Every structure is written in C-alpha cells, then in structure tokens.
C-alpha atoms as a PDB file:
ATOM      1  CA  UNK A   1     -29.643 -11.620  66.302  1.00  0.00           C
ATOM      2  CA  UNK A   2     -29.369  -8.218  64.633  1.00  0.00           C
ATOM      3  CA  UNK A   3     -27.903  -8.346  61.162  1.00  0.00           C
ATOM      4  CA  UNK A   4     -24.992  -6.083  60.220  1.00  0.00           C
ATOM      5  CA  UNK A   5     -25.800  -3.024  58.133  1.00  0.00           C
ATOM      6  CA  UNK A   6     -24.449  -2.029  54.752  1.00  0.00           C
ATOM      7  CA  UNK A   7     -24.978   1.714  54.348  1.00  0.00           C
ATOM      8  CA  UNK A   8     -25.066   2.454  50.609  1.00  0.00           C
ATOM      9  CA  UNK A   9     -24.550   6.090  49.634  1.00  0.00           C
ATOM     10  CA  UNK A  10     -25.602   7.121  46.137  1.00  0.00           C
ATOM     11  CA  UNK A  11     -26.149  10.375  44.291  1.00  0.00           C
ATOM     12  CA  UNK A  12     -25.063  12.208  41.155  1.00  0.00           C
ATOM     13  CA  UNK A  13     -21.426  12.831  40.385  1.00  0.00           C
ATOM     14  CA  UNK A  14     -19.856  15.779  42.250  1.00  0.00           C
ATOM     15  CA  UNK A  15     -22.603  15.883  44.908  1.00  0.00           C
ATOM     16  CA  UNK A  16     -20.097  15.145  47.695  1.00  0.00           C
ATOM     17  CA  UNK A  17     -20.494  11.400  48.276  1.00  0.00           C
ATOM     18  CA  UNK A  18     -16.850  10.831  49.204  1.00  0.00           C
ATOM     19  CA  UNK A  19     -16.635  13.479  51.931  1.00  0.00           C
ATOM     20  CA  UNK A  20     -20.016  12.454  53.364  1.00  0.00           C
ATOM     21  CA  UNK A  21     -19.010   8.781  53.411  1.00  0.00           C
ATOM     22  CA  UNK A  22     -15.706   9.553  55.131  1.00  0.00           C
ATOM     23  CA  UNK A  23     -17.418  11.681  57.801  1.00  0.00           C
ATOM     24  CA  UNK A  24     -19.939   8.899  58.427  1.00  0.00           C
ATOM     25  CA  UNK A  25     -17.237   6.223  58.490  1.00  0.00           C
ATOM     26  CA  UNK A  26     -15.259   8.198  61.075  1.00  0.00           C
ATOM     27  CA  UNK A  27     -18.384   8.506  63.211  1.00  0.00           C
ATOM     28  CA  UNK A  28     -19.138   4.773  62.948  1.00  0.00           C
ATOM     29  CA  UNK A  29     -15.488   3.605  62.963  1.00  0.00           C
ATOM     30  CA  UNK A  30     -16.032   1.454  59.900  1.00  0.00           C
ATOM     31  CA  UNK A  31     -14.441   0.913  56.462  1.00  0.00           C
ATOM     32  CA  UNK A  32     -15.621   2.065  53.033  1.00  0.00           C
ATOM     33  CA  UNK A  33     -16.125   0.081  49.841  1.00  0.00           C
ATOM     34  CA  UNK A  34     -16.162   2.035  46.573  1.00  0.00           C
ATOM     35  CA  UNK A  35     -18.742   1.076  43.963  1.00  0.00           C
ATOM     36  CA  UNK A  36     -17.467   3.676  41.495  1.00  0.00           C
ATOM     37  CA  UNK A  37     -16.487   1.628  38.443  1.00  0.00           C
ATOM     38  CA  UNK A  38     -14.342   4.494  37.138  1.00  0.00           C
ATOM     39  CA  UNK A  39     -12.151   4.394  40.238  1.00  0.00           C
ATOM     40  CA  UNK A  40     -11.278   0.688  40.017  1.00  0.00           C
ATOM     41  CA  UNK A  41      -8.349   1.211  37.657  1.00  0.00           C
ATOM     42  CA  UNK A  42      -4.758   1.784  38.777  1.00  0.00           C
ATOM     43  CA  UNK A  43      -3.862   3.867  35.736  1.00  0.00           C
ATOM     44  CA  UNK A  44      -6.776   6.329  36.074  1.00  0.00           C
ATOM     45  CA  UNK A  45      -6.698   8.870  38.873  1.00  0.00           C
ATOM     46  CA  UNK A  46      -7.335  12.527  38.031  1.00  0.00           C
ATOM     47  CA  UNK A  47     -10.260  12.047  35.659  1.00  0.00           C
ATOM     48  CA  UNK A  48     -12.004   9.614  38.009  1.00  0.00           C
ATOM     49  CA  UNK A  49     -11.697  11.821  41.116  1.00  0.00           C
ATOM     50  CA  UNK A  50     -10.035   9.063  43.141  1.00  0.00           C
ATOM     51  CA  UNK A  51      -9.968  10.268  46.776  1.00  0.00           C
ATOM     52  CA  UNK A  52      -6.487  11.257  47.871  1.00  0.00           C
ATOM     53  CA  UNK A  53      -4.941   9.851  51.069  1.00  0.00           C
ATOM     54  CA  UNK A  54      -5.759  13.205  52.705  1.00  0.00           C
ATOM     55  CA  UNK A  55      -9.403  12.912  51.639  1.00  0.00           C
ATOM     56  CA  UNK A  56      -9.588   9.322  52.900  1.00  0.00           C
ATOM     57  CA  UNK A  57      -8.549  10.564  56.380  1.00  0.00           C
ATOM     58  CA  UNK A  58      -7.166   7.225  57.461  1.00  0.00           C
ATOM     59  CA  UNK A  59     -10.393   5.318  56.770  1.00  0.00           C
ATOM     60  CA  UNK A  60      -9.742   1.941  55.100  1.00  0.00           C
ATOM     61  CA  UNK A  61     -10.978   2.067  51.488  1.00  0.00           C
ATOM     62  CA  UNK A  62     -11.507  -0.972  49.248  1.00  0.00           C
ATOM     63  CA  UNK A  63     -11.983  -1.311  45.475  1.00  0.00           C
ATOM     64  CA  UNK A  64     -10.054   1.850  44.644  1.00  0.00           C
ATOM     65  CA  UNK A  65      -7.383   1.445  41.938  1.00  0.00           C
ATOM     66  CA  UNK A  66      -7.203  -2.286  42.584  1.00  0.00           C
ATOM     67  CA  UNK A  67      -7.056  -3.581  38.986  1.00  0.00           C
ATOM     68  CA  UNK A  68      -5.418  -2.654  35.691  1.00  0.00           C
ATOM     69  CA  UNK A  69      -7.290  -1.171  32.727  1.00  0.00           C
ATOM     70  CA  UNK A  70      -6.078  -4.225  30.786  1.00  0.00           C
ATOM     71  CA  UNK A  71      -8.211  -6.576  32.891  1.00  0.00           C
ATOM     72  CA  UNK A  72     -11.896  -6.926  31.900  1.00  0.00           C
ATOM     73  CA  UNK A  73     -14.023  -6.289  34.982  1.00  0.00           C
ATOM     74  CA  UNK A  74     -17.798  -6.465  35.113  1.00  0.00           C
ATOM     75  CA  UNK A  75     -20.539  -5.690  37.611  1.00  0.00           C
ATOM     76  CA  UNK A  76     -20.788  -9.441  38.167  1.00  0.00           C
ATOM     77  CA  UNK A  77     -17.103  -9.633  39.052  1.00  0.00           C
ATOM     78  CA  UNK A  78     -17.550  -6.762  41.470  1.00  0.00           C
ATOM     79  CA  UNK A  79     -20.613  -8.330  43.070  1.00  0.00           C
ATOM     80  CA  UNK A  80     -18.772 -11.567  43.811  1.00  0.00           C
ATOM     81  CA  UNK A  81     -15.652  -9.865  45.187  1.00  0.00           C
ATOM     82  CA  UNK A  82     -17.617  -7.379  47.284  1.00  0.00           C
ATOM     83  CA  UNK A  83     -19.808 -10.040  48.900  1.00  0.00           C
ATOM     84  CA  UNK A  84     -16.745 -12.116  49.842  1.00  0.00           C
ATOM     85  CA  UNK A  85     -15.095  -9.051  51.362  1.00  0.00           C
ATOM     86  CA  UNK A  86     -18.250  -7.980  53.209  1.00  0.00           C
ATOM     87  CA  UNK A  87     -18.660 -11.417  54.749  1.00  0.00           C
ATOM     88  CA  UNK A  88     -15.171 -11.010  56.163  1.00  0.00           C
ATOM     89  CA  UNK A  89     -15.561  -7.370  57.254  1.00  0.00           C
ATOM     90  CA  UNK A  90     -18.838  -8.040  59.053  1.00  0.00           C
ATOM     91  CA  UNK A  91     -16.975 -10.374  61.412  1.00  0.00           C
ATOM     92  CA  UNK A  92     -15.331  -7.249  62.807  1.00  0.00           C
ATOM     93  CA  UNK A  93     -17.695  -4.342  62.038  1.00  0.00           C
ATOM     94  CA  UNK A  94     -21.399  -3.846  62.666  1.00  0.00           C
ATOM     95  CA  UNK A  95     -21.604  -1.359  59.779  1.00  0.00           C
ATOM     96  CA  UNK A  96     -19.792  -0.987  56.475  1.00  0.00           C
ATOM     97  CA  UNK A  97     -20.263   1.829  53.981  1.00  0.00           C
ATOM     98  CA  UNK A  98     -20.663   1.342  50.225  1.00  0.00           C
ATOM     99  CA  UNK A  99     -20.339   4.538  48.194  1.00  0.00           C
ATOM    100  CA  UNK A 100     -20.212   5.362  44.500  1.00  0.00           C
ATOM    101  CA  UNK A 101     -21.995   6.710  41.479  1.00  0.00           C
ATOM    102  CA  UNK A 102     -22.070   3.471  39.457  1.00  0.00           C
ATOM    103  CA  UNK A 103     -25.613   2.557  40.371  1.00  0.00           C
ATOM    104  CA  UNK A 104     -25.596  -0.812  38.608  1.00  0.00           C
ATOM    105  CA  UNK A 105     -22.574  -1.872  40.669  1.00  0.00           C
ATOM    106  CA  UNK A 106     -24.185  -0.704  43.904  1.00  0.00           C
ATOM    107  CA  UNK A 107     -27.386  -2.535  43.022  1.00  0.00           C
ATOM    108  CA  UNK A 108     -25.407  -5.695  42.218  1.00  0.00           C
ATOM    109  CA  UNK A 109     -24.102  -5.769  45.797  1.00  0.00           C
ATOM    110  CA  UNK A 110     -27.422  -4.893  47.412  1.00  0.00           C
ATOM    111  CA  UNK A 111     -29.706  -7.109  45.336  1.00  0.00           C
ATOM    112  CA  UNK A 112     -27.643  -9.246  42.975  1.00  0.00           C
ATOM    113  CA  UNK A 113     -27.636  -9.239  39.206  1.00  0.00           C
ATOM    114  CA  UNK A 114     -30.167 -11.009  37.061  1.00  0.00           C
ATOM    115  CA  UNK A 115     -29.377 -14.158  35.105  1.00  0.00           C
ATOM    116  CA  UNK A 116     -28.442 -12.846  31.673  1.00  0.00           C
ATOM    117  CA  UNK A 117     -28.734 -15.097  28.607  1.00  0.00           C
ATOM    118  CA  UNK A 118     -25.630 -16.388  26.886  1.00  0.00           C
ATOM    119  CA  UNK A 119     -24.688 -14.486  23.757  1.00  0.00           C
ATOM    120  CA  UNK A 120     -23.008 -16.327  20.890  1.00  0.00           C
ATOM    121  CA  UNK A 121     -19.947 -14.997  19.125  1.00  0.00           C
ATOM    122  CA  UNK A 122     -22.041 -14.751  15.965  1.00  0.00           C
ATOM    123  CA  UNK A 123     -24.429 -12.269  17.607  1.00  0.00           C
ATOM    124  CA  UNK A 124     -21.531 -10.291  19.079  1.00  0.00           C
ATOM    125  CA  UNK A 125     -19.838 -10.103  15.683  1.00  0.00           C
ATOM    126  CA  UNK A 126     -23.122  -9.061  14.054  1.00  0.00           C
ATOM    127  CA  UNK A 127     -23.525  -6.033  16.313  1.00  0.00           C
ATOM    128  CA  UNK A 128     -19.828  -5.215  16.194  1.00  0.00           C
ATOM    129  CA  UNK A 129     -20.064  -5.101  12.386  1.00  0.00           C
ATOM    130  CA  UNK A 130     -23.059  -2.772  12.646  1.00  0.00           C
ATOM    131  CA  UNK A 131     -21.124  -0.484  14.977  1.00  0.00           C
ATOM    132  CA  UNK A 132     -18.076  -0.499  12.706  1.00  0.00           C
ATOM    133  CA  UNK A 133     -20.136   0.298   9.615  1.00  0.00           C
ATOM    134  CA  UNK A 134     -22.905   2.560  10.941  1.00  0.00           C
ATOM    135  CA  UNK A 135     -21.411   4.131  14.056  1.00  0.00           C
ATOM    136  CA  UNK A 136     -22.561   4.750  17.592  1.00  0.00           C
ATOM    137  CA  UNK A 137     -25.577   6.882  16.625  1.00  0.00           C
ATOM    138  CA  UNK A 138     -27.198   3.823  15.022  1.00  0.00           C
ATOM    139  CA  UNK A 139     -26.611   1.775  18.181  1.00  0.00           C
ATOM    140  CA  UNK A 140     -28.190   4.534  20.267  1.00  0.00           C
ATOM    141  CA  UNK A 141     -31.266   4.641  18.019  1.00  0.00           C
ATOM    142  CA  UNK A 142     -31.662   0.862  18.124  1.00  0.00           C
ATOM    143  CA  UNK A 143     -31.376   0.760  21.906  1.00  0.00           C
ATOM    144  CA  UNK A 144     -33.937   3.553  22.230  1.00  0.00           C
ATOM    145  CA  UNK A 145     -36.316   1.494  20.086  1.00  0.00           C
ATOM    146  CA  UNK A 146     -35.705  -1.833  21.835  1.00  0.00           C
ATOM    147  CA  UNK A 147     -35.228  -0.694  25.421  1.00  0.00           C
ATOM    148  CA  UNK A 148     -36.141   2.933  26.161  1.00  0.00           C
ATOM    149  CA  UNK A 149     -35.751   2.387  29.924  1.00  0.00           C
ATOM    150  CA  UNK A 150     -32.128   1.348  29.665  1.00  0.00           C
ATOM    151  CA  UNK A 151     -31.536   4.023  27.034  1.00  0.00           C
ATOM    152  CA  UNK A 152     -32.505   6.639  29.640  1.00  0.00           C
ATOM    153  CA  UNK A 153     -29.830   5.567  32.129  1.00  0.00           C
ATOM    154  CA  UNK A 154     -26.923   4.064  30.172  1.00  0.00           C
ATOM    155  CA  UNK A 155     -23.833   6.031  29.149  1.00  0.00           C
ATOM    156  CA  UNK A 156     -24.815   6.588  25.514  1.00  0.00           C
ATOM    157  CA  UNK A 157     -21.226   7.259  24.466  1.00  0.00           C
ATOM    158  CA  UNK A 158     -19.971   3.929  25.793  1.00  0.00           C
ATOM    159  CA  UNK A 159     -20.308   1.675  22.767  1.00  0.00           C
ATOM    160  CA  UNK A 160     -19.299  -1.435  24.751  1.00  0.00           C
ATOM    161  CA  UNK A 161     -22.329  -1.111  27.030  1.00  0.00           C
ATOM    162  CA  UNK A 162     -24.609  -0.386  24.075  1.00  0.00           C
ATOM    163  CA  UNK A 163     -23.339  -3.475  22.256  1.00  0.00           C
ATOM    164  CA  UNK A 164     -23.837  -5.627  25.347  1.00  0.00           C
ATOM    165  CA  UNK A 165     -27.428  -4.458  25.780  1.00  0.00           C
ATOM    166  CA  UNK A 166     -28.296  -4.902  22.102  1.00  0.00           C
ATOM    167  CA  UNK A 167     -26.818  -8.405  22.065  1.00  0.00           C
ATOM    168  CA  UNK A 168     -28.976  -9.395  25.040  1.00  0.00           C
ATOM    169  CA  UNK A 169     -32.064  -7.845  23.422  1.00  0.00           C
ATOM    170  CA  UNK A 170     -31.389  -9.822  20.233  1.00  0.00           C
ATOM    171  CA  UNK A 171     -30.881 -13.151  21.974  1.00  0.00           C
ATOM    172  CA  UNK A 172     -33.738 -12.896  24.460  1.00  0.00           C
ATOM    173  CA  UNK A 173     -36.313 -10.856  22.598  1.00  0.00           C
ATOM    174  CA  UNK A 174     -36.680  -8.888  25.830  1.00  0.00           C
ATOM    175  CA  UNK A 175     -35.417  -5.466  26.939  1.00  0.00           C
ATOM    176  CA  UNK A 176     -31.993  -5.542  28.568  1.00  0.00           C
ATOM    177  CA  UNK A 177     -33.456  -3.609  31.510  1.00  0.00           C
ATOM    178  CA  UNK A 178     -35.814  -6.500  32.300  1.00  0.00           C
ATOM    179  CA  UNK A 179     -32.806  -8.553  33.400  1.00  0.00           C
ATOM    180  CA  UNK A 180     -31.889  -5.831  35.878  1.00  0.00           C
ATOM    181  CA  UNK A 181     -35.268  -6.166  37.579  1.00  0.00           C
ATOM    182  CA  UNK A 182     -35.332  -9.853  38.470  1.00  0.00           C
ATOM    183  CA  UNK A 183     -36.062 -11.059  42.032  1.00  0.00           C
ATOM    184  CA  UNK A 184     -33.552  -9.824  44.588  1.00  0.00           C
ATOM    185  CA  UNK A 185     -31.010 -12.157  46.130  1.00  0.00           C
ATOM    186  CA  UNK A 186     -31.044 -12.756  49.848  1.00  0.00           C
ATOM    187  CA  UNK A 187     -28.203 -11.021  51.653  1.00  0.00           C
ATOM    188  CA  UNK A 188     -26.757 -11.615  55.112  1.00  0.00           C
ATOM    189  CA  UNK A 189     -26.850  -7.897  55.863  1.00  0.00           C
ATOM    190  CA  UNK A 190     -29.493  -5.207  56.192  1.00  0.00           C
ATOM    191  CA  UNK A 191     -29.208  -2.474  53.579  1.00  0.00           C
ATOM    192  CA  UNK A 192     -29.659   1.197  54.475  1.00  0.00           C
ATOM    193  CA  UNK A 193     -29.744   3.256  51.288  1.00  0.00           C
ATOM    194  CA  UNK A 194     -29.063   6.993  51.053  1.00  0.00           C
ATOM    195  CA  UNK A 195     -29.319   9.427  48.173  1.00  0.00           C
ATOM    196  CA  UNK A 196     -27.405  12.669  48.602  1.00  0.00           C
ATOM    197  CA  UNK A 197     -29.244  15.568  46.988  1.00  0.00           C
ATOM    198  CA  UNK A 198     -28.329  19.034  45.744  1.00  0.00           C
ATOM    199  CA  UNK A 199     -30.210  21.696  43.720  1.00  0.00           C
ATOM    200  CA  UNK A 200     -29.626  21.084  40.004  1.00  0.00           C
ATOM    201  CA  UNK A 201     -28.055  24.473  39.242  1.00  0.00           C
ATOM    202  CA  UNK A 202     -25.645  24.131  42.165  1.00  0.00           C
ATOM    203  CA  UNK A 203     -24.730  20.612  41.067  1.00  0.00           C
ATOM    204  CA  UNK A 204     -23.973  21.737  37.512  1.00  0.00           C
ATOM    205  CA  UNK A 205     -21.826  24.587  38.793  1.00  0.00           C
ATOM    206  CA  UNK A 206     -19.893  22.135  40.967  1.00  0.00           C
ATOM    207  CA  UNK A 207     -19.436  19.760  38.020  1.00  0.00           C
ATOM    208  CA  UNK A 208     -18.005  22.544  35.858  1.00  0.00           C
ATOM    209  CA  UNK A 209     -15.651  23.636  38.619  1.00  0.00           C
ATOM    210  CA  UNK A 210     -14.477  20.098  39.264  1.00  0.00           C
ATOM    211  CA  UNK A 211     -13.604  19.608  35.595  1.00  0.00           C
ATOM    212  CA  UNK A 212     -11.591  22.845  35.676  1.00  0.00           C
ATOM    213  CA  UNK A 213      -9.790  21.569  38.774  1.00  0.00           C
ATOM    214  CA  UNK A 214      -9.036  18.248  37.070  1.00  0.00           C
ATOM    215  CA  UNK A 215      -7.528  20.047  34.095  1.00  0.00           C
ATOM    216  CA  UNK A 216      -5.441  22.220  36.420  1.00  0.00           C
ATOM    217  CA  UNK A 217      -4.230  19.073  38.208  1.00  0.00           C
ATOM    218  CA  UNK A 218      -3.000  17.417  35.006  1.00  0.00           C
ATOM    219  CA  UNK A 219      -5.964  15.655  33.366  1.00  0.00           C
ATOM    220  CA  UNK A 220      -4.750  16.343  29.827  1.00  0.00           C
ATOM    221  CA  UNK A 221      -1.361  14.829  30.633  1.00  0.00           C
ATOM    222  CA  UNK A 222      -2.994  11.808  32.270  1.00  0.00           C
ATOM    223  CA  UNK A 223      -5.075  11.134  29.159  1.00  0.00           C
ATOM    224  CA  UNK A 224      -1.991  11.602  26.963  1.00  0.00           C
ATOM    225  CA  UNK A 225      -0.231   8.843  28.912  1.00  0.00           C
ATOM    226  CA  UNK A 226      -3.178   6.494  28.289  1.00  0.00           C
ATOM    227  CA  UNK A 227      -3.514   7.062  24.521  1.00  0.00           C
ATOM    228  CA  UNK A 228      -2.005   3.651  23.619  1.00  0.00           C
ATOM    229  CA  UNK A 229      -4.918   2.073  25.531  1.00  0.00           C
ATOM    230  CA  UNK A 230      -7.689   4.384  24.300  1.00  0.00           C
ATOM    231  CA  UNK A 231      -9.721   1.550  22.750  1.00  0.00           C
ATOM    232  CA  UNK A 232     -10.041  -0.354  26.027  1.00  0.00           C
ATOM    233  CA  UNK A 233     -13.446  -0.346  27.700  1.00  0.00           C
ATOM    234  CA  UNK A 234     -12.039   1.346  30.804  1.00  0.00           C
ATOM    235  CA  UNK A 235     -11.163   4.420  28.734  1.00  0.00           C
ATOM    236  CA  UNK A 236     -14.655   4.722  27.227  1.00  0.00           C
ATOM    237  CA  UNK A 237     -15.637   7.006  30.047  1.00  0.00           C
ATOM    238  CA  UNK A 238     -16.421  10.669  30.566  1.00  0.00           C
ATOM    239  CA  UNK A 239     -13.329  12.760  31.123  1.00  0.00           C
ATOM    240  CA  UNK A 240     -11.082  10.631  28.952  1.00  0.00           C
ATOM    241  CA  UNK A 241     -12.723   9.912  25.620  1.00  0.00           C
ATOM    242  CA  UNK A 242     -13.578  13.597  25.052  1.00  0.00           C
ATOM    243  CA  UNK A 243      -9.866  14.445  24.925  1.00  0.00           C
ATOM    244  CA  UNK A 244      -8.956  11.881  22.258  1.00  0.00           C
ATOM    245  CA  UNK A 245      -9.986  14.240  19.398  1.00  0.00           C
ATOM    246  CA  UNK A 246      -7.527  16.818  20.742  1.00  0.00           C
ATOM    247  CA  UNK A 247      -4.615  14.409  20.459  1.00  0.00           C
ATOM    248  CA  UNK A 248      -5.824  13.343  17.007  1.00  0.00           C
ATOM    249  CA  UNK A 249      -5.799  16.968  15.844  1.00  0.00           C
ATOM    250  CA  UNK A 250      -9.555  17.111  15.332  1.00  0.00           C
ATOM    251  CA  UNK A 251     -10.555  19.568  18.096  1.00  0.00           C
ATOM    252  CA  UNK A 252      -9.035  22.284  20.223  1.00  0.00           C
ATOM    253  CA  UNK A 253      -8.393  21.365  23.832  1.00  0.00           C
ATOM    254  CA  UNK A 254     -10.871  24.032  24.989  1.00  0.00           C
ATOM    255  CA  UNK A 255     -13.650  22.346  22.998  1.00  0.00           C
ATOM    256  CA  UNK A 256     -12.782  18.987  24.493  1.00  0.00           C
ATOM    257  CA  UNK A 257     -12.907  20.387  28.020  1.00  0.00           C
ATOM    258  CA  UNK A 258     -16.338  21.893  27.364  1.00  0.00           C
ATOM    259  CA  UNK A 259     -17.471  18.491  26.085  1.00  0.00           C
ATOM    260  CA  UNK A 260     -16.276  16.892  29.314  1.00  0.00           C
ATOM    261  CA  UNK A 261     -18.407  19.334  31.294  1.00  0.00           C
ATOM    262  CA  UNK A 262     -21.436  18.761  29.076  1.00  0.00           C
ATOM    263  CA  UNK A 263     -21.143  14.973  29.148  1.00  0.00           C
ATOM    264  CA  UNK A 264     -20.566  14.956  32.903  1.00  0.00           C
ATOM    265  CA  UNK A 265     -23.786  16.938  33.362  1.00  0.00           C
ATOM    266  CA  UNK A 266     -25.575  14.431  31.119  1.00  0.00           C
ATOM    267  CA  UNK A 267     -24.079  11.594  33.148  1.00  0.00           C
ATOM    268  CA  UNK A 268     -25.438  13.202  36.331  1.00  0.00           C
ATOM    269  CA  UNK A 269     -28.898  13.389  34.752  1.00  0.00           C
ATOM    270  CA  UNK A 270     -28.792   9.673  33.942  1.00  0.00           C
ATOM    271  CA  UNK A 271     -27.737   8.899  37.507  1.00  0.00           C
ATOM    272  CA  UNK A 272     -30.711  10.897  38.781  1.00  0.00           C
ATOM    273  CA  UNK A 273     -33.025   9.046  36.390  1.00  0.00           C
ATOM    274  CA  UNK A 274     -31.814   5.728  37.812  1.00  0.00           C
ATOM    275  CA  UNK A 275     -32.393   6.951  41.363  1.00  0.00           C
ATOM    276  CA  UNK A 276     -35.923   8.081  40.532  1.00  0.00           C
ATOM    277  CA  UNK A 277     -36.631   4.562  39.289  1.00  0.00           C
ATOM    278  CA  UNK A 278     -34.805   2.947  42.245  1.00  0.00           C
ATOM    279  CA  UNK A 279     -35.600   5.248  45.184  1.00  0.00           C
ATOM    280  CA  UNK A 280     -33.415   5.106  48.294  1.00  0.00           C
ATOM    281  CA  UNK A 281     -34.758   4.792  51.843  1.00  0.00           C
ATOM    282  CA  UNK A 282     -33.399   8.216  52.764  1.00  0.00           C
ATOM    283  CA  UNK A 283     -32.894  11.397  50.746  1.00  0.00           C
ATOM    284  CA  UNK A 284     -30.405  13.633  52.529  1.00  0.00           C
ATOM    285  CA  UNK A 285     -29.119  17.066  51.561  1.00  0.00           C
ATOM    286  CA  UNK A 286     -25.457  17.095  50.604  1.00  0.00           C
ATOM    287  CA  UNK A 287     -24.632  19.556  53.397  1.00  0.00           C
ATOM    288  CA  UNK A 288     -26.220  17.540  56.211  1.00  0.00           C
ATOM    289  CA  UNK A 289     -23.849  17.171  59.147  1.00  0.00           C
ATOM    290  CA  UNK A 290     -23.059  13.727  60.471  1.00  0.00           C
ATOM    291  CA  UNK A 291     -24.328  13.907  64.061  1.00  0.00           C
ATOM    292  CA  UNK A 292     -26.240  11.769  66.552  1.00  0.00           C
ATOM    293  CA  UNK A 293     -29.591  12.610  64.964  1.00  0.00           C
ATOM    294  CA  UNK A 294     -28.407  11.391  61.565  1.00  0.00           C
ATOM    295  CA  UNK A 295     -26.870   8.251  63.037  1.00  0.00           C
ATOM    296  CA  UNK A 296     -30.164   7.468  64.753  1.00  0.00           C
ATOM    297  CA  UNK A 297     -32.039   8.002  61.485  1.00  0.00           C
ATOM    298  CA  UNK A 298     -29.756   5.724  59.495  1.00  0.00           C
ATOM    299  CA  UNK A 299     -29.639   2.877  61.971  1.00  0.00           C
ATOM    300  CA  UNK A 300     -33.369   2.472  62.538  1.00  0.00           C
ATOM    301  CA  UNK A 301     -34.819  -0.792  61.317  1.00  0.00           C
ATOM    302  CA  UNK A 302     -36.318  -0.695  57.859  1.00  0.00           C
ATOM    303  CA  UNK A 303     -40.060  -0.200  58.025  1.00  0.00           C
ATOM    304  CA  UNK A 304     -42.090  -3.001  56.502  1.00  0.00           C
END
C-alpha cells in the first residue's frame, strides 16, 4: 500500500514559502502544518510574518499562534504534537504540507530528534553565571571552539540556544551538533523535501522590504506591548530583540530597524548553511508555478 506523503517546504526567510505552500495545498486539496517556531506564539504576529486569513486562502493551517509566549515549547514538543496530528490527518488526506524556516523543527518531524543527555542544574547554573558575568560574546566564542558546525547555523544572538548547546557539550564531551545527526526514526509517511531558491541579492532586497513593511504595519507598537515579557525565550528572536535598545533609550529607532534587516539577512545565511548540509530532494525556484508538471515531479517515488 502506498504511504501518504509529507511535502516539506524549506528555504530562507522571505523567499516565498507561505505563498508557494498555499498554492500547492490548493492544488492538492490538503492542509498545511507550520514548522516556523517564531509563528507558534499567540502574542507575536507582525514580526513573525504570520500569514493573514487572506494569505491562507481558506486552507487549514496548524501550529500557527497556538501557544502563549509564557509556555516553554521545544522542538521535541513540536515533534510529538506534529506526529500525533499527522497520524490523524493522513486518515483523510494522501498529502500534507509542512512549511517553515525553522529547519531543526522540520527535521524533528521528518527524522526525529536525537537522544540528548540530561543536564544537571549545576551545569545549567555554571553556564548561566558565565553568561551573566561575561556576556553573549563569550558564549559565542566558546561554542565556536567546541562546536563550529552548530555555531554556523544557530541564531548567535539567542543566548538560550547557546546555553543549551554549551551545557550539552559540557556534559557529553561531544559537539551539540552530533546529537542532531543520530539515526533517523522510522515514519509512517514518505517525505518529499523541497528547497525554494532565489538569487542572493534579490533575497536580501526582499528581506529589507519586508522589514520596512512590518514597521509600517505596526512592528514597533507590537514590540512595545511585549516589553514586560522581553526576557522570555520567545522574544529572543530577530525582529523583536533589536528594538529593545530603542525602548531603553540606548539607540534610535532607525538604528534598530537597520539591525533587524542586518540580522534577518544573517539569519537567512544560516538557514542556507543548514540546507547545504541537509540537502532537499528538490531545489525549486521561488517563482515556479504550481502546475501538473510540478505535481508530477513532487509525487514521484523517492529514488533509492
């Protein structure tokens, strides 16, 4: 019996994953799961580019604004919830689409996460003390020394992820990235993986324009409303943390907006680095039309 297909769409931020996924979902009459960890949170909308109801075009979307920023939520949590949902959806649909720029979360659904070692509170407190006393630059340097592969793809401004990786390195004596490369879990579906591509200069132009659009749509006001929660992990993300210095009187808003653009471009580069190390089955130009030829390409059986 033919297994159902999970079509996973990846690519750098601003490449057009949402519109492509919606067009494909309409063609296949199937739902969409988001694997964009920034879009999980109810309180974050403008800075995470959550698709509007108009952009969703009536296609059922899951894992968009489904939890609060006050609830800790990991890739492991997402993996478990997504697999349960997929098992249910595949009773009705032959295909389901998974789309998002959080490559670790996508990979967790496709292949499962590795078995990470337990980290004691003593180790956590040790690294937290180092962060508090020496700052994020020291954490970045230590991660680069201990795990250059993960250093190349992690959000270097997210101290929570740096601390997590350094704790695992300390406990195991192994690079954090080695736990991301353990044997894949068996899945009940066939995965079809797609990377949307775009020339680098065009992508950077689109990123800059999208940030300008976010600001015009009220990004600064959205971040202002979230200031009481600025230390939560959910807010340690591009588009939000860069504006905190403005509200603290340390930078002009124009500088903060330029930093958002710069850090978003850097984020896109890290996404592309991940995809080079985890190549998809199909590389497709961002402006490819969803037609019969594309459907035939995507639904062929994976070559052995």
